[in-house]
C-alpha atoms as a PDB file:
ATOM      1  CA  MET A   1     -18.740   2.434   0.294  1.00  0.00           C
ATOM      2  CA  ARG A   2     -19.300   5.047  -2.392  1.00  0.00           C
ATOM      3  CA  LEU A   3     -18.643   3.022  -5.436  1.00  0.00           C
ATOM      4  CA  PRO A   4     -20.650  -0.151  -6.500  1.00  0.00           C
ATOM      5  CA  LEU A   5     -18.502  -2.977  -7.369  1.00  0.00           C
ATOM      6  CA  LYS A   6     -17.733  -3.667 -11.066  1.00  0.00           C
ATOM      7  CA  ASN A   7     -18.999  -6.429 -12.079  1.00  0.00           C
ATOM      8  CA  CYS A   8     -17.344  -8.348 -14.769  1.00  0.00           C
ATOM      9  CA  ALA A   9     -19.695  -8.548 -17.444  1.00  0.00           C
ATOM     10  CA  ASP A  10     -20.407  -4.763 -17.165  1.00  0.00           C
ATOM     11  CA  LEU A  11     -16.702  -4.131 -17.654  1.00  0.00           C
ATOM     12  CA  THR A  12     -15.973  -2.118 -20.921  1.00  0.00           C
ATOM     13  CA  GLU A  13     -13.255  -3.080 -23.111  1.00  0.00           C
ATOM     14  CA  PRO A  14     -10.362  -1.025 -21.187  1.00  0.00           C
ATOM     15  CA  GLN A  15     -12.209  -1.863 -18.072  1.00  0.00           C
ATOM     16  CA  LYS A  16     -11.597  -5.618 -19.008  1.00  0.00           C
ATOM     17  CA  ARG A  17      -7.757  -4.784 -20.219  1.00  0.00           C
ATOM     18  CA  LEU A  18      -7.071  -3.416 -16.564  1.00  0.00           C
ATOM     19  CA  TYR A  19      -9.106  -6.097 -14.539  1.00  0.00           C
ATOM     20  CA  ALA A  20      -7.137  -9.296 -16.286  1.00  0.00           C
ATOM     21  CA  ASP A  21      -4.096  -7.561 -15.860  1.00  0.00           C
ATOM     22  CA  MET A  22      -5.042  -6.710 -12.062  1.00  0.00           C
ATOM     23  CA  LYS A  23      -6.413  -9.899 -11.470  1.00  0.00           C
ATOM     24  CA  GLU A  24      -3.138 -11.439 -12.685  1.00  0.00           C
ATOM     25  CA  GLY A  25      -1.030  -9.248 -10.542  1.00  0.00           C
ATOM     26  CA  ILE A  26      -2.963  -9.629  -7.501  1.00  0.00           C
ATOM     27  CA  ALA A  27      -2.362 -13.458  -7.682  1.00  0.00           C
ATOM     28  CA  THR A  28       1.441 -12.724  -8.629  1.00  0.00           C
ATOM     29  CA  SER A  29       2.044 -10.112  -5.548  1.00  0.00           C
ATOM     30  CA  PHE A  30      -0.767  -9.451  -3.410  1.00  0.00           C
ATOM     31  CA  LYS A  31      -1.113 -12.481  -1.485  1.00  0.00           C
ATOM     32  CA  GLY A  32      -2.601 -13.044   2.028  1.00  0.00           C
ATOM     33  CA  PHE A  33      -5.590 -10.777   2.120  1.00  0.00           C
ATOM     34  CA  THR A  34      -9.111 -10.507   0.533  1.00  0.00           C
ATOM     35  CA  ALA A  35      -8.537  -8.536  -2.647  1.00  0.00           C
ATOM     36  CA  ILE A  36     -11.337 -10.573  -4.774  1.00  0.00           C
ATOM     37  CA  ASP A  37     -14.868 -11.395  -3.832  1.00  0.00           C
ATOM     38  CA  ARG A  38     -16.364 -14.090  -4.115  1.00  0.00           C
ATOM     39  CA  ASN A  39     -17.831 -12.945  -7.637  1.00  0.00           C
ATOM     40  CA  GLY A  40     -14.692 -12.095  -9.283  1.00  0.00           C
ATOM     41  CA  ALA A  41     -15.105  -8.762  -8.013  1.00  0.00           C
ATOM     42  CA  LEU A  42     -11.860  -6.523  -7.445  1.00  0.00           C
ATOM     43  CA  ILE A  43     -11.926  -4.529  -4.356  1.00  0.00           C
ATOM     44  CA  GLY A  44     -10.174  -2.261  -2.028  1.00  0.00           C
ATOM     45  CA  PRO A  45      -8.790  -0.208  -4.184  1.00  0.00           C
ATOM     46  CA  TRP A  46      -8.895  -2.250  -7.187  1.00  0.00           C
ATOM     47  CA  ASN A  47     -12.485  -1.410  -7.691  1.00  0.00           C
ATOM     48  CA  PRO A  48     -11.791   2.921  -7.989  1.00  0.00           C
ATOM     49  CA  TRP A  49      -8.947   2.221 -10.171  1.00  0.00           C
ATOM     50  CA  ILE A  50     -11.253  -0.496 -12.668  1.00  0.00           C
ATOM     51  CA  SER A  51     -13.942   1.860 -11.774  1.00  0.00           C
ATOM     52  CA  PHE A  52     -11.914   5.009 -13.749  1.00  0.00           C
ATOM     53  CA  PRO A  53      -9.408   2.969 -15.553  1.00  0.00           C
ATOM     54  CA  ASP A  54      -7.883   6.549 -17.288  1.00  0.00           C
ATOM     55  CA  TYR A  55      -6.472   7.132 -13.597  1.00  0.00           C
ATOM     56  CA  GLY A  56      -6.590   3.960 -12.461  1.00  0.00           C
ATOM     57  CA  GLY A  57      -4.610   2.395 -15.366  1.00  0.00           C
ATOM     58  CA  PRO A  58      -1.501   5.072 -14.712  1.00  0.00           C
ATOM     59  CA  VAL A  59      -1.649   3.985 -10.757  1.00  0.00           C
ATOM     60  CA  TRP A  60      -1.925   0.274 -11.523  1.00  0.00           C
ATOM     61  CA  ALA A  61       1.650   0.621 -13.836  1.00  0.00           C
ATOM     62  CA  LEU A  62       2.851   2.575 -10.541  1.00  0.00           C
ATOM     63  CA  VAL A  63       1.794  -0.086  -8.654  1.00  0.00           C
ATOM     64  CA  LYS A  64       3.647  -2.916 -10.632  1.00  0.00           C
ATOM     65  CA  ALA A  65       6.907  -0.467 -11.231  1.00  0.00           C
ATOM     66  CA  LEU A  66       7.321  -0.493  -7.411  1.00  0.00           C
ATOM     67  CA  ALA A  67       6.309  -3.739  -6.817  1.00  0.00           C
ATOM     68  CA  SER A  68       8.446  -5.565  -9.373  1.00  0.00           C
ATOM     69  CA  ALA A  69      12.373  -6.222  -8.151  1.00  0.00           C
ATOM     70  CA  PRO A  70      12.298  -3.885  -5.311  1.00  0.00           C
ATOM     71  CA  LYS A  71      15.608  -2.531  -3.861  1.00  0.00           C
ATOM     72  CA  LEU A  72      14.512  -2.345  -0.412  1.00  0.00           C
ATOM     73  CA  ALA A  73      14.088  -4.795   1.886  1.00  0.00           C
ATOM     74  CA  ARG A  74      10.114  -6.533   1.999  1.00  0.00           C
ATOM     75  CA  PRO A  75       9.581  -5.915   5.419  1.00  0.00           C
ATOM     76  CA  LEU A  76      11.195  -2.632   4.788  1.00  0.00           C
ATOM     77  CA  ARG A  77       8.874  -1.449   2.257  1.00  0.00           C
ATOM     78  CA  GLU A  78       5.686  -2.634   5.002  1.00  0.00           C
ATOM     79  CA  VAL A  79       6.664  -0.524   7.934  1.00  0.00           C
ATOM     80  CA  ALA A  80       6.525   2.174   5.381  1.00  0.00           C
ATOM     81  CA  ILE A  81       3.296   1.647   3.654  1.00  0.00           C
ATOM     82  CA  LEU A  82       1.559   0.838   7.351  1.00  0.00           C
ATOM     83  CA  ALA A  83       3.229   4.118   8.481  1.00  0.00           C
ATOM     84  CA  THR A  84       1.531   5.537   6.044  1.00  0.00           C
ATOM     85  CA  GLY A  85      -1.648   4.090   6.259  1.00  0.00           C
ATOM     86  CA  ALA A  86      -2.068   4.774   9.962  1.00  0.00           C
ATOM     87  CA  LYS A  87      -1.284   8.664   9.031  1.00  0.00           C
ATOM     88  CA  PHE A  88      -4.524   8.794   6.991  1.00  0.00           C
ATOM     89  CA  HIS A  89      -6.483   5.813   9.218  1.00  0.00           C
ATOM     90  CA  SER A  90      -6.791   3.999   6.205  1.00  0.00           C
ATOM     91  CA  ALA A  91      -8.573   0.555   7.104  1.00  0.00           C
ATOM     92  CA  TYR A  92      -8.593  -1.919   4.178  1.00  0.00           C
ATOM     93  CA  GLU A  93      -4.653  -0.069   3.731  1.00  0.00           C
ATOM     94  CA  ILE A  94      -4.096  -1.338   7.326  1.00  0.00           C
ATOM     95  CA  TYR A  95      -6.340  -4.317   7.073  1.00  0.00           C
ATOM     96  CA  ALA A  96      -4.006  -5.944   3.898  1.00  0.00           C
ATOM     97  CA  HIS A  97      -0.742  -4.848   5.283  1.00  0.00           C
ATOM     98  CA  VAL A  98      -1.532  -6.206   8.404  1.00  0.00           C
ATOM     99  CA  LEU A  99      -1.176  -9.758   7.312  1.00  0.00           C
ATOM    100  CA  VAL A 100       1.691  -8.701   4.832  1.00  0.00           C
ATOM    101  CA  GLY A 101       3.502  -7.319   7.473  1.00  0.00           C
ATOM    102  CA  GLU A 102       3.247 -10.164   9.431  1.00  0.00           C
ATOM    103  CA  ALA A 103       4.138 -12.558   6.680  1.00  0.00           C
ATOM    104  CA  ARG A 104       6.920 -10.826   5.888  1.00  0.00           C
ATOM    105  CA  GLY A 105       8.002 -11.052   9.407  1.00  0.00           C
ATOM    106  CA  LEU A 106       7.413  -8.032  11.500  1.00  0.00           C
ATOM    107  CA  SER A 107       6.389  -8.666  14.769  1.00  0.00           C
ATOM    108  CA  ASP A 108       2.702  -8.256  16.119  1.00  0.00           C
ATOM    109  CA  ALA A 109       3.825  -5.622  18.584  1.00  0.00           C
ATOM    110  CA  LYS A 110       5.196  -3.630  16.158  1.00  0.00           C
ATOM    111  CA  ILE A 111       2.799  -3.710  13.870  1.00  0.00           C
ATOM    112  CA  ALA A 112       0.622  -2.759  16.171  1.00  0.00           C
ATOM    113  CA  THR A 113       2.590   0.206  17.677  1.00  0.00           C
ATOM    114  CA  ILE A 114       2.961   1.508  13.873  1.00  0.00           C
ATOM    115  CA  VAL A 115      -1.210   0.869  13.338  1.00  0.00           C
ATOM    116  CA  ALA A 116      -1.546   2.970  16.486  1.00  0.00           C
ATOM    117  CA  GLY A 117       0.324   5.956  14.371  1.00  0.00           C
ATOM    118  CA  GLN A 118       3.775   5.785  16.979  1.00  0.00           C
ATOM    119  CA  ARG A 119       7.046   5.003  16.488  1.00  0.00           C
ATOM    120  CA  PRO A 120       8.019   0.994  17.867  1.00  0.00           C
ATOM    121  CA  ALA A 121      10.873   1.649  20.412  1.00  0.00           C
ATOM    122  CA  ASP A 122      12.543  -2.126  19.062  1.00  0.00           C
ATOM    123  CA  LEU A 123      12.821  -1.323  15.421  1.00  0.00           C
ATOM    124  CA  THR A 124      15.880  -1.792  13.605  1.00  0.00           C
ATOM    125  CA  GLU A 125      18.207   0.634  12.655  1.00  0.00           C
ATOM    126  CA  ASP A 126      16.812   0.240   9.092  1.00  0.00           C
ATOM    127  CA  GLU A 127      13.209  -0.067  10.014  1.00  0.00           C
ATOM    128  CA  ALA A 128      13.732   3.355  12.235  1.00  0.00           C
ATOM    129  CA  ILE A 129      15.024   4.721   8.967  1.00  0.00           C
ATOM    130  CA  VAL A 130      11.987   3.959   7.047  1.00  0.00           C
ATOM    131  CA  PHE A 131       9.570   4.912   9.343  1.00  0.00           C
ATOM    132  CA  ASP A 132      11.217   8.034   9.963  1.00  0.00           C
ATOM    133  CA  LEU A 133      11.313   9.286   6.345  1.00  0.00           C
ATOM    134  CA  ALA A 134       7.507   7.321   5.505  1.00  0.00           C
ATOM    135  CA  THR A 135       6.271   9.487   8.525  1.00  0.00           C
ATOM    136  CA  ALA A 136       7.575  12.875   7.964  1.00  0.00           C
ATOM    137  CA  LEU A 137       7.113  12.501   3.971  1.00  0.00           C
ATOM    138  CA  ALA A 138       3.701  11.574   4.491  1.00  0.00           C
ATOM    139  CA  ALA A 139       3.135  14.572   6.953  1.00  0.00           C
ATOM    140  CA  GLY A 140       4.828  17.178   4.682  1.00  0.00           C
ATOM    141  CA  PRO A 141       7.746  18.099   3.192  1.00  0.00           C
ATOM    142  CA  LEU A 142      10.725  15.543   3.791  1.00  0.00           C
ATOM    143  CA  PRO A 143      13.456  17.180   6.176  1.00  0.00           C
ATOM    144  CA  ALA A 144      17.164  16.853   5.264  1.00  0.00           C
ATOM    145  CA  LEU A 145      17.904  14.461   7.964  1.00  0.00           C
ATOM    146  CA  PRO A 146      15.674  11.739   7.101  1.00  0.00           C
ATOM    147  CA  TYR A 147      16.481  11.677   3.669  1.00  0.00           C
ATOM    148  CA  GLN A 148      20.306  12.053   4.044  1.00  0.00           C
ATOM    149  CA  ARG A 149      20.160   8.757   6.355  1.00  0.00           C
ATOM    150  CA  ALA A 150      18.198   6.924   3.863  1.00  0.00           C
ATOM    151  CA  VAL A 151      20.657   7.640   1.244  1.00  0.00           C
ATOM    152  CA  LYS A 152      23.861   6.466   3.487  1.00  0.00           C
ATOM    153  CA  ALA A 153      21.655   3.422   4.877  1.00  0.00           C
ATOM    154  CA  PHE A 154      20.322   2.667   1.336  1.00  0.00           C
ATOM    155  CA  GLY A 155      21.928   4.260  -1.321  1.00  0.00           C
ATOM    156  CA  LEU A 156      19.621   7.056  -3.420  1.00  0.00           C
ATOM    157  CA  GLU A 157      17.867   4.403  -5.991  1.00  0.00           C
ATOM    158  CA  ALA A 158      16.265   2.464  -2.914  1.00  0.00           C
ATOM    159  CA  THR A 159      15.455   5.803  -1.164  1.00  0.00           C
ATOM    160  CA  ALA A 160      13.718   7.052  -4.581  1.00  0.00           C
ATOM    161  CA  GLU A 161      12.035   3.489  -4.057  1.00  0.00           C
ATOM    162  CA  LEU A 162      10.820   4.269  -0.872  1.00  0.00           C
ATOM    163  CA  ILE A 163      10.045   8.304  -1.655  1.00  0.00           C
ATOM    164  CA  TYR A 164       7.776   6.819  -4.659  1.00  0.00           C
ATOM    165  CA  LEU A 165       6.420   3.872  -2.196  1.00  0.00           C
ATOM    166  CA  VAL A 166       5.074   6.394   0.615  1.00  0.00           C
ATOM    167  CA  GLY A 167       3.575   8.578  -2.151  1.00  0.00           C
ATOM    168  CA  LEU A 168       2.051   5.929  -3.701  1.00  0.00           C
ATOM    169  CA  TYR A 169       0.465   5.103  -0.301  1.00  0.00           C
ATOM    170  CA  CYS A 170      -0.912   8.255   0.089  1.00  0.00           C
ATOM    171  CA  MET A 171      -2.631   7.759  -3.004  1.00  0.00           C
ATOM    172  CA  VAL A 172      -3.905   4.476  -2.415  1.00  0.00           C
ATOM    173  CA  SER A 173      -4.715   5.594   0.685  1.00  0.00           C
ATOM    174  CA  THR A 174      -6.690   8.529  -0.075  1.00  0.00           C
ATOM    175  CA  THR A 175      -8.606   6.674  -2.862  1.00  0.00           C
ATOM    176  CA  LEU A 176      -9.683   4.026   0.060  1.00  0.00           C
ATOM    177  CA  ASN A 177     -10.966   6.569   2.336  1.00  0.00           C
ATOM    178  CA  GLY A 178     -12.380   9.172  -0.345  1.00  0.00           C
ATOM    179  CA  PHE A 179     -14.305   5.919  -1.984  1.00  0.00           C
ATOM    180  CA  ASN A 180     -15.191   4.532   1.791  1.00  0.00           C
ATOM    181  CA  ILE A 181     -13.653   1.543   0.455  1.00  0.00           C
ATOM    182  CA  PRO A 182     -14.702  -0.855   3.181  1.00  0.00           C
ATOM    183  CA  LEU A 183     -13.060  -3.741   4.942  1.00  0.00           C
ATOM    184  CA  PRO A 184     -13.596  -7.529   2.921  1.00  0.00           C
ATOM    185  CA  ASP A 185     -16.680  -9.220   4.504  1.00  0.00           C
ATOM    186  CA  GLY A 186     -15.806 -10.719   8.280  1.00  0.00           C
ATOM    187  CA  GLU A 187     -12.165  -8.652   8.431  1.00  0.00           C
ATOM    188  CA  ASP A 188     -11.817  -6.596  11.329  1.00  0.00           C
ATOM    189  CA  VAL A 189      -8.555  -4.489  12.020  1.00  0.00           C
END
């Protein structure tokens, strides 16, 4: 890990405000995996965000915007997040969203195949559209066909949400990888 965990007692005022908002958001929207350690320190992507609040604050605002009232079904969102995390080999992201994906009804076999960077044969039509768009977008410019399929299936607003979601998790992945963020103690991917 390239950044020490921020001790709550050592936070600046901007960090304290961001910490409080993140801690509340984690309790509300990020359940099922470890995001806060035994000492109250935020782990995963939250530690770099709180370490650099000028960057982390806007990223957190995007996280909250995409988490509130999503247009896409939550299991579809997990397909996109897992496909993006797999592209970047982002251990913490994969760890967290394997657990969330399971809780949202994705099968272990489907999750394992996505995490291995492959397209599961048993994707539903909507899951296939999301997987294809996410993997294409994480690899470079989005071709017309996956975009058109998503707009036809989900509408323009939900397709925009999907594109921003993939972009967000590309940033989450590179943050986790750039700062060499480990898995929580005792966890494995």
